[in-house]
Protein backbone atom coordinates (compact mmCIF):
# COMPACT_ATOMS: atom_id res chain seq x y z
CA MET A 1 74.87 121.03 123.42
CA THR A 2 76.44 122.85 120.39
CA GLY A 3 78.87 124.68 122.67
CA PHE A 4 79.92 121.27 123.93
CA PHE A 5 80.63 119.75 120.66
CA LEU A 6 82.29 123.09 119.35
CA ALA A 7 84.57 123.12 122.54
CA ARG A 8 85.40 119.30 122.06
CA PHE A 9 86.24 119.74 118.43
CA LYS A 10 88.41 122.60 119.06
CA ALA A 11 90.41 120.54 121.70
CA ALA A 12 90.58 117.64 119.52
CA ILE A 13 92.01 119.79 116.57
CA LYS A 14 94.57 121.11 118.90
CA THR A 15 95.62 117.74 120.17
CA ALA A 16 95.54 116.21 116.67
CA ALA A 17 97.86 119.01 115.46
CA ILE A 18 100.41 118.17 118.27
CA HIS A 19 100.06 114.54 117.21
CA LEU A 20 100.77 115.34 113.63
CA SER A 21 103.83 117.62 114.46
CA LEU A 22 105.28 114.63 116.54
CA SER A 23 104.37 111.96 113.78
CA ALA A 24 105.90 114.22 111.19
CA LEU A 25 109.07 114.94 113.03
CA ILE A 26 109.67 111.03 113.72
CA ALA A 27 108.79 110.40 109.86
CA THR A 28 111.50 112.94 108.78
CA ALA A 29 113.91 111.60 111.20
CA VAL A 30 113.46 108.05 109.79
CA TRP A 31 113.47 109.32 106.23
CA LEU A 32 116.72 111.17 106.50
CA LEU A 33 118.20 108.25 108.24
CA VAL A 34 117.24 105.76 105.51
CA VAL A 35 117.85 107.95 102.47
CA ARG A 36 121.11 109.52 103.44
CA ARG A 37 122.65 106.49 105.13
CA TRP A 38 121.10 103.47 103.39
CA TYR A 39 120.05 104.65 100.12
CA PRO A 40 122.70 107.32 98.78
CA TYR A 41 121.90 108.63 95.26
CA PRO A 42 121.43 106.79 92.72
CA LEU A 43 120.73 103.75 94.66
CA ASP A 44 117.38 105.23 95.88
CA GLU A 45 116.34 104.87 92.21
CA LEU A 46 118.08 101.30 91.54
CA ALA A 47 117.06 99.45 94.63
CA GLY A 48 113.31 100.79 94.64
CA GLY A 49 113.09 100.04 98.43
CA LEU A 50 111.73 103.70 99.33
CA THR A 51 108.45 103.11 97.72
CA LEU A 52 106.91 101.07 100.27
CA LEU A 53 108.54 103.21 103.20
CA SER A 54 106.85 106.22 101.50
CA LEU A 55 103.59 104.72 101.47
CA VAL A 56 103.92 103.57 105.14
CA ILE A 57 105.24 106.76 106.49
CA GLY A 58 102.38 108.78 104.49
CA VAL A 59 99.58 106.54 105.96
CA ASP A 60 101.29 106.57 109.37
CA VAL A 61 101.46 110.12 109.57
CA ALA A 62 97.97 110.88 108.32
CA CYS A 63 96.15 108.10 110.18
CA GLY A 64 97.62 108.68 113.73
CA PRO A 65 96.41 112.29 114.04
CA LEU A 66 93.10 111.49 112.45
CA LEU A 67 92.34 108.68 114.81
CA THR A 68 93.35 111.28 117.52
CA LEU A 69 90.87 113.62 116.05
CA LEU A 70 88.14 110.96 116.26
CA VAL A 71 88.77 109.70 119.88
CA TYR A 72 89.85 112.77 121.81
CA THR A 73 87.39 114.39 123.94
CA PRO A 74 88.18 116.48 127.21
CA ALA A 75 85.34 114.73 128.99
CA LYS A 76 87.51 111.42 129.06
CA SER A 77 89.34 110.65 132.10
CA ARG A 78 93.07 110.62 131.94
CA LEU A 79 93.14 106.79 131.95
CA ALA A 80 90.68 106.56 129.10
CA LEU A 81 92.88 108.98 127.10
CA TRP A 82 96.23 107.25 128.08
CA VAL A 83 94.60 103.93 126.73
CA ASP A 84 93.36 105.51 123.55
CA PHE A 85 96.71 107.27 122.81
CA SER A 86 98.63 104.08 123.69
CA VAL A 87 96.58 101.96 121.15
CA ILE A 88 97.18 104.71 118.38
CA GLY A 89 100.78 104.79 119.07
CA ALA A 90 101.27 101.13 119.09
CA ILE A 91 99.43 101.06 115.69
CA GLN A 92 101.78 103.83 114.37
CA LEU A 93 104.75 102.04 115.60
CA ALA A 94 103.83 98.57 114.32
CA ALA A 95 103.26 100.17 110.85
CA LEU A 96 106.60 101.98 111.04
CA ALA A 97 108.58 98.98 112.11
CA TYR A 98 107.09 96.92 109.25
CA GLY A 99 108.14 99.74 106.91
CA LEU A 100 111.41 99.86 108.22
CA TYR A 101 111.86 96.19 108.19
CA SER A 102 111.16 95.91 104.44
CA VAL A 103 113.40 98.82 103.80
CA THR A 104 116.46 97.36 105.73
CA GLU A 105 115.83 94.07 103.67
CA ALA A 106 115.90 95.97 100.42
CA ARG A 107 118.88 98.30 101.31
CA PRO A 108 121.85 98.12 99.19
CA VAL A 109 124.58 96.49 101.07
CA VAL A 110 127.32 96.38 98.39
CA LEU A 111 127.88 98.08 95.13
CA ALA A 112 129.87 95.26 93.32
CA TYR A 113 131.55 95.22 90.07
CA GLU A 114 130.60 92.34 88.33
CA VAL A 115 132.11 91.31 84.75
CA ASP A 116 131.26 94.58 82.95
CA ARG A 117 128.94 96.47 85.42
CA PHE A 118 128.18 97.52 88.86
CA VAL A 119 125.32 95.75 90.84
CA ALA A 120 123.65 97.20 93.67
CA VAL A 121 123.03 94.04 95.75
CA PRO A 122 120.18 94.12 98.62
CA ALA A 123 120.52 92.73 102.03
CA ALA A 124 117.80 90.22 101.06
CA GLY A 125 119.46 89.16 97.81
CA VAL A 126 122.74 88.20 99.53
CA ASP A 127 123.68 84.44 100.05
CA ARG A 128 124.19 84.63 103.66
CA SER A 129 125.30 81.11 104.07
CA HIS A 130 128.61 82.12 102.50
CA LEU A 131 129.25 85.31 104.50
CA PRO A 132 132.10 83.49 106.50
CA ASP A 133 133.70 82.93 103.27
CA ALA A 134 133.96 86.68 102.64
CA PRO A 135 136.91 88.86 103.33
CA ALA A 136 136.95 89.80 107.02
CA SER A 137 135.82 93.35 106.38
CA LEU A 138 132.76 92.14 104.53
CA GLN A 139 131.50 89.24 106.85
CA MET A 140 129.02 91.58 108.44
CA LEU A 141 126.26 93.22 106.09
CA SER A 142 126.89 96.97 106.21
CA TRP A 143 124.48 99.50 108.17
CA ASN A 144 126.29 102.50 107.00
CA GLY A 145 125.49 102.39 103.26
CA PRO A 146 126.56 100.19 100.46
CA VAL A 147 130.31 99.18 100.42
CA LEU A 148 131.93 99.18 96.94
CA ILE A 149 133.66 96.14 96.09
CA GLY A 150 134.62 93.61 93.28
CA ALA A 151 133.41 90.23 92.43
CA ARG A 152 136.25 87.99 91.24
CA THR A 153 136.36 85.97 88.15
CA PRO A 154 136.31 82.28 87.97
CA LYS A 155 139.77 80.65 88.72
CA ASP A 156 138.92 77.36 86.65
CA ALA A 157 136.13 75.08 85.03
CA VAL A 158 135.24 73.88 88.36
CA ASP A 159 134.64 77.55 89.76
CA GLN A 160 132.74 78.40 86.54
CA MET A 161 130.61 75.43 87.30
CA ASP A 162 129.99 76.67 90.87
CA ALA A 163 129.19 79.95 89.59
CA MET A 164 126.52 78.76 87.18
CA ARG A 165 125.02 76.49 90.07
CA GLY A 166 124.74 79.59 92.03
CA VAL A 167 122.85 81.46 89.25
CA ALA A 168 120.63 78.65 88.78
CA GLN A 169 119.63 78.95 92.71
CA GLY A 170 119.10 82.66 92.25
CA TYR A 171 122.44 84.11 93.17
CA GLU A 172 124.58 86.00 90.85
CA ILE A 173 128.22 86.28 91.84
CA SER A 174 127.77 89.72 93.00
CA ALA A 175 125.42 88.29 95.61
CA ARG A 176 127.82 85.68 96.90
CA PRO A 177 130.00 86.72 99.70
CA ASP A 178 132.59 83.94 98.70
CA TRP A 179 133.14 85.68 95.44
CA TRP A 180 133.72 89.09 96.98
CA GLN A 181 136.99 90.95 97.01
CA THR A 182 138.03 94.30 97.67
CA TYR A 183 137.49 97.15 94.94
CA ASP A 184 141.38 97.44 94.49
CA GLN A 185 141.71 93.74 93.53
CA SER A 186 139.24 94.37 90.74
CA ARG A 187 140.69 97.75 89.56
CA LEU A 188 142.57 96.33 86.79
CA ASP A 189 139.61 94.48 85.47
CA ILE A 190 137.54 97.38 85.69
CA GLN A 191 140.02 99.33 83.63
CA LYS A 192 139.96 96.97 81.01
CA HIS A 193 136.22 96.89 80.67
CA MET A 194 135.16 100.56 81.26
CA LYS A 195 134.24 102.35 78.16
CA PRO A 196 135.09 106.06 76.94
CA LEU A 197 132.23 108.42 77.80
CA THR A 198 132.69 110.20 74.46
CA GLY A 199 131.53 107.11 72.62
CA LEU A 200 128.13 106.90 74.60
CA TYR A 201 127.75 110.66 74.49
CA ALA A 202 127.91 110.63 70.65
CA ALA A 203 125.45 107.88 70.49
CA ARG A 204 122.87 109.52 72.62
CA ALA A 205 119.92 111.78 71.97
CA SER A 206 120.12 115.41 72.97
CA ALA A 207 118.10 114.80 76.20
CA GLN A 208 120.57 112.21 77.54
CA GLN A 209 123.35 114.34 76.22
CA THR A 210 122.19 116.99 78.54
CA LEU A 211 122.28 114.49 81.48
CA LEU A 212 125.82 113.30 80.57
CA ASP A 213 126.84 116.97 80.61
CA ALA A 214 125.42 117.65 83.96
CA ALA A 215 127.23 114.56 85.41
CA ARG A 216 130.39 115.37 83.65
CA GLN A 217 130.46 119.04 85.10
CA LYS A 218 129.81 117.66 88.66
CA SER A 219 132.55 115.27 88.32
CA GLY A 220 135.02 118.26 87.43
CA LEU A 221 136.60 116.18 84.75
CA PRO A 222 136.63 116.76 81.01
CA MET A 223 134.62 114.44 78.76
CA ALA A 224 137.87 112.92 77.25
CA ALA A 225 138.94 111.97 80.77
CA LEU A 226 135.89 110.10 81.81
CA HIS A 227 134.64 106.46 81.20
CA TYR A 228 131.46 104.51 82.31
CA LEU A 229 130.06 101.37 83.11
CA PRO A 230 126.40 100.22 83.53
CA MET A 231 124.78 100.02 86.78
CA THR A 232 121.89 97.76 87.66
CA GLY A 233 119.84 97.15 90.81
CA GLN A 234 116.45 95.46 91.76
CA LYS A 235 114.26 97.95 89.87
CA ARG A 236 116.22 99.74 87.44
CA GLU A 237 119.07 99.28 84.81
CA ASP A 238 119.17 102.65 83.33
CA TYR A 239 121.95 104.19 85.11
CA ILE A 240 125.79 104.60 84.54
CA ALA A 241 128.65 105.14 86.96
CA LEU A 242 131.24 107.58 85.62
CA LEU A 243 134.79 106.64 86.26
CA ASP A 244 138.38 108.29 85.92
CA ALA A 245 141.18 106.86 84.38
CA GLN A 246 142.03 104.98 87.76
CA ALA A 247 138.81 103.38 87.79
CA ASN A 248 137.46 105.69 90.59
CA ILE A 249 133.67 106.41 90.66
CA VAL A 250 133.38 110.26 90.10
CA GLY A 251 129.64 110.64 89.35
CA TYR A 252 126.40 109.04 88.07
CA ALA A 253 123.96 109.54 85.19
CA ASN A 254 120.43 108.34 84.41
CA VAL A 255 121.49 107.02 80.94
CA ASP A 256 121.14 103.23 79.84
CA GLY A 257 124.85 102.14 79.37
CA PHE A 258 124.30 99.00 77.80
CA GLU A 259 123.43 99.85 74.41
CA GLU A 260 125.99 102.31 73.16
CA ASN A 261 124.37 102.75 69.88
CA GLY A 262 120.87 103.12 71.26
CA LYS A 263 119.05 106.27 71.02
């Protein structure tokens, strides 16, 4: 009897290890797709949509092989094993599908310049009723990462009231496709509002100065040639975008850009 249980345990361990390898391979492919395509740095931090996916993938990868370890035995018929593995696989796929759905809804679809900052707008936050009113290139929400755009300013008092009604309904102008425009159309306004990075650097403590130095070095530009604007998302508001003189984004730093005199 002891020999039977030992043989069964060894066979179950081997099968569970194979299952674990396959689960880890699928999870890695999903993670790379999501992180590299939908959540490029620093939007993975700003949007916060990866927390749930991390949890789901962790549970999925662990629980599937554990269930296999519990149910597998060489004494079972092929049909019984097929049924067991099908049920376990279905549970794993359902959990992964739920995690992916949540992440797709939280994925940033545009990084929009709005008034004096950049806003990472998630798919779930877009007022989709106005998508037909967006520029032709923006009428479909992106599946290839966030698109850099601008949000126009109000044209008149009626436009301003419309913007205020939208905010009351939970939609900032950056989330309203009928207010979207190309980044080039906002470039002059961005240049008016962007601030010299030297001022922020002088106002920050040494730890944040280190972060700014690292971001400056990555940009390849001298401090005097760089500007910045704050960046906000669903979960965080303590990042800045580094800009060159033409308002092109050339880097990011994990520094709060709203209070220049804050330490």
